Amino acid sequence: EGISMNKESFWQSPLWAEILIKTGQAEVFLCENGENRVCIERRALWNGYSGLYILWVESSLITREFVLSIKHITGPKDLFLQIEPLEHCDNHAFPFDLFQKNRAPFRRFIEPVTALLDLTTPEEELMANFAEKGRYNIRLATKRWVTTRWVKWSDIYGQKTYTEAFFDLLDETTKRDGFAHNSLIYYQHFIQTLEAHQAGWLLIAEKDDALHAAGIFAYWGDAAIYYYGASSSDTNIRRDMATYLLQWEAIREGIRRKCTMYDFLGISADGKGKLAGVTEFKLRFNPEKKYWMSERVMILKPLTLFLLQCMSRIRKLFR
């Protein structure tokens, strides 16, 4: 009691811990470090084995004493501790020598490159700084009578809830772009938790009662975050450019909430790969590219981890 978590990071907030617990994504441990608490996630890997993750934490909190103190919560099937720091690490307190790797054994959760928009810029100037194609598409969506509004997860759209409608759009999007997505219940819990804390909702873009695009946006501390987005694959619907108007409304909500930055989350560093299309879209809002520090990994069970990685590669070969 009286000890606050790092409020600069959504992934170190009580809100994120609650989302993880409700969605069953991870076990959560809160470890004290001075006057702060650090959120540690235990995520399942395979056959009872797990990895420990600390996401988007200020590197100044990761001291030798803190890392060594974490060992009392490690279980017999925890294979590694992975830390994804919030910023470039230029302090001397970070115990680099305790970490054997700077590459994730399985996956990194926070993309190493993001796109940040400065929300302290006046709204008209912010819009003027967007790429011409971005400004044009926002105006086009408005001229074609696309509208946006915030809805609750349980609001009804036809014969289903808006969350279910969002999930259907997300299924279209991931199949089109080659991504994966979570379960419907995951997104329901995610939006419910945001709503309960007034930290975000589901934003929709529609026209003539047809859903064109939708997104989940989180607002925590000084940050507005574009977390999940989905849009129709119908060519005629896509011509209305609803996704641009959707982003603009989410950005304006961040301004209304006095946020100082809008985080588009992951983009491709070189504009290539699986994030190429997403990157092209996000960069039309002329954000600043931000490179985060590479992850640091402490191996707890080297042999077991090696065998599990080998099995994972073999399974991928036979898919």
Protein backbone atom coordinates (compact mmCIF):
# COMPACT_ATOMS: atom_id res chain seq x y z
CA GLU A 1 0.00 0.00 0.00
CA GLY A 2 1.31 3.45 -0.88
CA ILE A 3 3.77 1.99 -3.40
CA SER A 4 2.99 3.06 -6.96
CA MET A 5 3.82 1.25 -10.17
CA ASN A 6 5.64 2.90 -13.04
CA LYS A 7 2.80 4.99 -14.50
CA GLU A 8 4.78 5.93 -17.59
CA SER A 9 4.25 2.50 -19.11
CA PHE A 10 0.95 0.86 -20.00
CA TRP A 11 2.64 -2.55 -19.74
CA GLN A 12 3.72 -1.82 -16.17
CA SER A 13 0.31 -0.57 -15.05
CA PRO A 14 -2.28 -2.22 -12.80
CA LEU A 15 -4.61 -2.02 -15.79
CA TRP A 16 -2.34 -4.27 -17.87
CA ALA A 17 -1.94 -6.71 -14.97
CA GLU A 18 -5.73 -6.92 -14.73
CA ILE A 19 -6.06 -7.56 -18.47
CA LEU A 20 -3.51 -10.38 -18.29
CA ILE A 21 -5.30 -12.03 -15.39
CA LYS A 22 -8.80 -11.71 -16.88
CA THR A 23 -7.73 -13.00 -20.30
CA GLY A 24 -5.62 -15.81 -18.86
CA GLN A 25 -2.62 -14.67 -20.90
CA ALA A 26 -0.19 -14.89 -18.00
CA GLU A 27 0.32 -15.25 -14.29
CA VAL A 28 1.26 -11.89 -12.80
CA PHE A 29 3.73 -11.12 -10.03
CA LEU A 30 4.32 -7.65 -8.62
CA CYS A 31 7.82 -7.31 -7.22
CA GLU A 32 8.80 -4.31 -5.13
CA ASN A 33 11.85 -2.30 -6.05
CA GLY A 34 12.21 0.64 -3.71
CA GLU A 35 9.10 2.77 -4.12
CA ASN A 36 8.08 1.05 -7.33
CA ARG A 37 6.49 -2.21 -8.29
CA VAL A 38 7.57 -4.14 -11.36
CA CYS A 39 5.06 -6.34 -13.16
CA ILE A 40 6.47 -9.77 -14.05
CA GLU A 41 4.53 -12.09 -16.34
CA ARG A 42 4.79 -15.87 -16.42
CA ARG A 43 3.69 -17.00 -19.88
CA ALA A 44 3.16 -20.61 -20.89
CA LEU A 45 5.41 -22.02 -23.62
CA TRP A 46 4.80 -25.77 -24.00
CA ASN A 47 4.01 -28.78 -21.83
CA GLY A 48 4.04 -26.81 -18.58
CA TYR A 49 7.24 -24.91 -19.35
CA SER A 50 7.14 -21.15 -19.14
CA GLY A 51 9.09 -17.93 -19.57
CA LEU A 52 9.18 -14.87 -17.33
CA TYR A 53 8.73 -11.47 -19.00
CA ILE A 54 9.13 -7.89 -17.85
CA LEU A 55 7.75 -5.60 -20.54
CA TRP A 56 8.44 -1.91 -21.12
CA VAL A 57 10.06 -1.25 -17.80
CA GLU A 58 12.40 1.66 -17.11
CA SER A 59 15.89 0.19 -17.30
CA SER A 60 16.91 2.13 -14.19
CA LEU A 61 14.66 -0.19 -12.17
CA ILE A 62 16.53 -3.29 -13.34
CA THR A 63 19.42 -3.33 -10.88
CA ARG A 64 21.56 -6.30 -9.91
CA GLU A 65 19.87 -6.50 -6.52
CA PHE A 66 16.42 -6.52 -8.11
CA VAL A 67 17.27 -9.22 -10.67
CA LEU A 68 18.76 -11.47 -8.00
CA SER A 69 15.70 -10.94 -5.80
CA ILE A 70 13.44 -12.18 -8.59
CA LYS A 71 14.98 -15.63 -8.41
CA HIS A 72 12.85 -16.54 -5.41
CA ILE A 73 9.71 -16.52 -7.58
CA THR A 74 11.16 -18.65 -10.38
CA GLY A 75 9.63 -22.09 -10.65
CA PRO A 76 11.17 -25.40 -11.76
CA LYS A 77 9.73 -24.98 -15.26
CA ASP A 78 10.67 -21.32 -15.81
CA LEU A 79 13.25 -21.40 -18.60
CA PHE A 80 14.31 -17.76 -18.89
CA LEU A 81 13.72 -14.18 -17.78
CA GLN A 82 13.21 -11.76 -20.68
CA ILE A 83 13.29 -7.99 -20.16
CA GLU A 84 12.16 -5.49 -22.80
CA PRO A 85 13.28 -2.07 -21.52
CA LEU A 86 11.32 1.11 -22.15
CA GLU A 87 14.20 3.11 -23.56
CA HIS A 88 17.83 2.94 -24.61
CA CYS A 89 19.87 1.81 -21.65
CA ASP A 90 22.60 4.35 -20.88
CA ASN A 91 22.72 3.97 -17.12
CA HIS A 92 25.40 1.92 -15.36
CA ALA A 93 23.01 0.22 -12.93
CA PHE A 94 21.67 -2.27 -15.50
CA PRO A 95 23.43 -5.61 -14.79
CA PHE A 96 24.31 -6.60 -18.35
CA ASP A 97 26.61 -9.37 -17.13
CA LEU A 98 23.67 -11.30 -15.66
CA PHE A 99 22.03 -11.67 -19.08
CA GLN A 100 23.42 -14.23 -21.49
CA LYS A 101 21.49 -13.18 -24.61
CA ASN A 102 20.02 -10.10 -26.24
CA ARG A 103 17.67 -11.99 -28.50
CA ALA A 104 14.32 -13.47 -27.51
CA PRO A 105 14.33 -17.31 -27.37
CA PHE A 106 10.80 -17.41 -28.81
CA ARG A 107 9.34 -13.97 -29.44
CA ARG A 108 9.57 -10.32 -28.51
CA PHE A 109 6.26 -8.83 -27.34
CA ILE A 110 6.89 -5.13 -27.95
CA GLU A 111 8.09 -4.47 -31.51
CA PRO A 112 11.62 -2.97 -31.46
CA VAL A 113 10.60 -0.05 -33.70
CA THR A 114 7.54 2.09 -33.14
CA ALA A 115 6.02 5.30 -34.49
CA LEU A 116 5.27 8.14 -32.09
CA LEU A 117 3.18 11.24 -32.73
CA ASP A 118 3.69 14.36 -30.62
CA LEU A 119 0.28 15.35 -29.27
CA THR A 120 1.50 18.60 -27.73
CA THR A 121 1.36 20.09 -31.23
CA PRO A 122 -1.82 22.12 -31.90
CA GLU A 123 -4.45 20.06 -33.71
CA GLU A 124 -4.45 22.06 -36.95
CA GLU A 125 -0.67 22.00 -37.14
CA LEU A 126 -0.65 18.28 -36.37
CA MET A 127 -3.00 17.60 -39.29
CA ALA A 128 -0.94 19.87 -41.56
CA ASN A 129 2.14 17.77 -40.78
CA PHE A 130 0.54 14.55 -41.99
CA ALA A 131 1.64 13.24 -45.38
CA GLU A 132 -0.55 14.62 -48.18
CA LYS A 133 -2.00 11.15 -48.80
CA GLY A 134 -2.97 10.89 -45.12
CA ARG A 135 -4.72 14.28 -45.10
CA TYR A 136 -6.46 13.52 -48.38
CA ASN A 137 -7.79 10.17 -47.15
CA ILE A 138 -9.18 11.72 -43.94
CA ARG A 139 -11.00 14.37 -45.99
CA LEU A 140 -12.20 11.74 -48.46
CA ALA A 141 -13.69 9.55 -45.71
CA THR A 142 -15.56 12.58 -44.34
CA LYS A 143 -16.86 13.59 -47.80
CA ARG A 144 -18.13 10.05 -48.32
CA TRP A 145 -20.16 10.27 -45.10
CA VAL A 146 -18.08 7.88 -43.04
CA THR A 147 -18.58 8.62 -39.34
CA THR A 148 -16.81 7.44 -36.20
CA ARG A 149 -18.03 6.82 -32.66
CA TRP A 150 -16.99 5.06 -29.48
CA VAL A 151 -19.05 2.03 -28.46
CA LYS A 152 -19.13 -0.31 -25.49
CA TRP A 153 -18.14 -3.94 -25.93
CA SER A 154 -21.74 -5.11 -25.37
CA ASP A 155 -23.49 -2.59 -27.63
CA ILE A 156 -25.54 -4.31 -30.31
CA TYR A 157 -24.70 -4.32 -34.01
CA GLY A 158 -27.40 -6.20 -35.92
CA GLN A 159 -27.64 -9.68 -34.40
CA LYS A 160 -24.33 -9.48 -32.53
CA THR A 161 -22.33 -7.23 -30.25
CA TYR A 162 -19.86 -4.69 -31.61
CA THR A 163 -17.05 -6.77 -30.12
CA GLU A 164 -18.21 -9.75 -32.16
CA ALA A 165 -18.45 -7.55 -35.25
CA PHE A 166 -14.93 -6.24 -34.56
CA PHE A 167 -13.71 -9.83 -34.22
CA ASP A 168 -15.21 -10.73 -37.61
CA LEU A 169 -13.42 -7.75 -39.18
CA LEU A 170 -10.22 -8.76 -37.41
CA ASP A 171 -10.50 -12.24 -38.89
CA GLU A 172 -10.75 -10.66 -42.36
CA THR A 173 -7.78 -8.41 -41.64
CA THR A 174 -5.46 -11.10 -40.31
CA LYS A 175 -6.22 -13.45 -43.19
CA ARG A 176 -5.58 -10.62 -45.65
CA ASP A 177 -2.32 -9.47 -44.04
CA GLY A 178 -0.97 -12.81 -42.83
CA PHE A 179 -1.18 -12.19 -39.08
CA ALA A 180 -2.70 -14.18 -36.23
CA HIS A 181 -5.24 -13.01 -33.69
CA ASN A 182 -6.51 -13.93 -30.23
CA SER A 183 -9.86 -15.40 -29.20
CA LEU A 184 -13.12 -13.45 -29.04
CA ILE A 185 -13.22 -13.75 -25.24
CA TYR A 186 -9.75 -12.17 -25.07
CA TYR A 187 -10.92 -9.02 -26.89
CA GLN A 188 -14.10 -8.89 -24.82
CA HIS A 189 -12.08 -8.89 -21.59
CA PHE A 190 -9.58 -6.41 -23.03
CA ILE A 191 -12.27 -3.87 -23.94
CA GLN A 192 -14.26 -4.48 -20.73
CA THR A 193 -11.20 -3.72 -18.61
CA LEU A 194 -10.42 -0.53 -20.55
CA GLU A 195 -14.03 0.57 -20.15
CA ALA A 196 -14.07 -0.16 -16.41
CA HIS A 197 -11.09 2.15 -15.91
CA GLN A 198 -12.24 4.70 -18.52
CA ALA A 199 -8.92 4.05 -20.23
CA GLY A 200 -10.26 3.39 -23.71
CA TRP A 201 -13.05 1.77 -25.72
CA LEU A 202 -13.81 0.25 -29.06
CA LEU A 203 -13.87 2.90 -31.80
CA ILE A 204 -15.85 2.18 -34.97
CA ALA A 205 -16.08 3.77 -38.41
CA GLU A 206 -19.34 3.17 -40.25
CA LYS A 207 -21.44 4.29 -43.17
CA ASP A 208 -25.08 3.48 -43.95
CA ASP A 209 -25.16 1.17 -40.90
CA ALA A 210 -22.27 -0.88 -42.33
CA LEU A 211 -19.13 -1.35 -40.25
CA HIS A 212 -16.08 -0.27 -42.27
CA ALA A 213 -13.33 -0.38 -39.64
CA ALA A 214 -12.83 -0.64 -35.89
CA GLY A 215 -10.02 -0.41 -33.39
CA ILE A 216 -9.15 -0.81 -29.73
CA PHE A 217 -7.33 2.20 -28.31
CA ALA A 218 -5.85 2.54 -24.82
CA TYR A 219 -5.18 5.79 -22.95
CA TRP A 220 -2.84 5.55 -19.98
CA GLY A 221 -0.91 8.35 -18.34
CA ASP A 222 0.61 10.52 -21.04
CA ALA A 223 0.23 7.91 -23.78
CA ALA A 224 -2.50 7.17 -26.29
CA ILE A 225 -1.95 3.73 -27.83
CA TYR A 226 -3.26 2.21 -31.05
CA TYR A 227 -3.52 -1.38 -29.87
CA TYR A 228 -5.66 -3.37 -32.33
CA GLY A 229 -7.18 -2.42 -35.65
CA ALA A 230 -9.41 -4.16 -38.19
CA SER A 231 -10.98 -3.22 -41.49
CA SER A 232 -13.16 -4.69 -44.20
CA SER A 233 -11.62 -6.52 -47.14
CA ASP A 234 -14.46 -5.42 -49.43
CA THR A 235 -12.92 -3.31 -52.22
CA ASN A 236 -15.87 -0.92 -52.40
CA ILE A 237 -15.80 -0.32 -48.66
CA ARG A 238 -12.03 0.16 -48.58
CA ARG A 239 -12.32 2.98 -51.14
CA ASP A 240 -13.97 5.13 -48.45
CA MET A 241 -10.70 5.22 -46.44
CA ALA A 242 -12.44 4.77 -43.09
CA THR A 243 -9.24 3.59 -41.38
CA TYR A 244 -7.71 7.07 -41.73
CA LEU A 245 -10.71 8.78 -40.15
CA LEU A 246 -10.67 6.16 -37.39
CA GLN A 247 -7.05 7.01 -36.55
CA TRP A 248 -7.72 10.73 -36.63
CA GLU A 249 -10.55 10.41 -34.10
CA ALA A 250 -8.36 8.25 -31.83
CA ILE A 251 -5.59 10.86 -32.05
CA ARG A 252 -8.04 13.67 -31.23
CA GLU A 253 -9.26 11.70 -28.21
CA GLY A 254 -5.66 11.56 -27.02
CA ILE A 255 -5.45 15.35 -27.37
CA ARG A 256 -8.70 15.77 -25.42
CA ARG A 257 -7.25 13.60 -22.65
CA LYS A 258 -4.09 15.75 -22.52
CA CYS A 259 -1.86 12.87 -23.66
CA THR A 260 1.55 13.98 -24.89
CA MET A 261 2.17 11.18 -27.39
CA TYR A 262 0.28 8.80 -29.63
CA ASP A 263 1.94 5.41 -30.05
CA PHE A 264 1.14 3.54 -33.27
CA LEU A 265 3.12 0.56 -31.92
CA GLY A 266 5.12 -1.71 -34.19
CA ILE A 267 6.42 -0.73 -37.60
CA SER A 268 9.07 -2.15 -39.91
CA ALA A 269 12.50 -0.51 -39.59
CA ASP A 270 13.12 -0.72 -43.35
CA GLY A 271 9.54 -0.74 -44.64
CA LYS A 272 9.78 -4.41 -45.63
CA GLY A 273 8.59 -7.73 -44.24
CA LYS A 274 5.24 -8.64 -42.68
CA LEU A 275 4.75 -5.10 -41.34
CA ALA A 276 5.34 -3.38 -44.70
CA GLY A 277 1.70 -2.50 -45.39
CA VAL A 278 0.99 -1.50 -41.79
CA THR A 279 4.12 0.65 -41.77
CA GLU A 280 3.13 2.48 -44.96
CA PHE A 281 -0.26 3.27 -43.44
CA LYS A 282 1.10 4.51 -40.10
CA LEU A 283 3.84 6.66 -41.64
CA ARG A 284 1.22 8.66 -43.54
CA PHE A 285 0.53 10.38 -40.22
CA ASN A 286 4.18 11.51 -40.22
CA PRO A 287 5.15 10.12 -36.80
CA GLU A 288 8.69 9.92 -35.48
CA LYS A 289 10.37 6.51 -35.66
CA LYS A 290 11.57 5.31 -32.28
CA TYR A 291 14.00 2.43 -31.76
CA TRP A 292 13.79 0.62 -28.44
CA MET A 293 16.62 -1.18 -26.72
CA SER A 294 16.97 -4.85 -27.64
CA GLU A 295 15.60 -7.37 -25.19
CA ARG A 296 17.85 -8.91 -22.53
CA VAL A 297 17.49 -12.57 -21.62
CA MET A 298 18.72 -14.46 -18.55
CA ILE A 299 18.74 -18.20 -19.23
CA LEU A 300 17.55 -20.21 -16.23
CA LYS A 301 17.46 -23.73 -17.72
CA PRO A 302 19.89 -23.77 -20.68
CA LEU A 303 19.59 -27.43 -21.73
CA THR A 304 15.79 -27.61 -21.46
CA LEU A 305 15.44 -24.34 -23.35
CA PHE A 306 17.73 -25.59 -26.13
CA LEU A 307 15.75 -28.82 -26.51
CA LEU A 308 12.45 -26.95 -26.52
CA GLN A 309 13.70 -24.58 -29.23
CA CYS A 310 14.81 -27.54 -31.34
CA MET A 311 11.38 -29.15 -30.98
CA SER A 312 9.72 -25.88 -31.93
CA ARG A 313 11.79 -25.66 -35.13
CA ILE A 314 10.97 -29.26 -36.02
CA ARG A 315 7.23 -28.69 -35.52
CA LYS A 316 7.38 -25.64 -37.84
CA LEU A 317 9.06 -27.74 -40.56
CA PHE A 318 6.17 -30.21 -40.56
CA ARG A 319 3.37 -27.64 -40.61
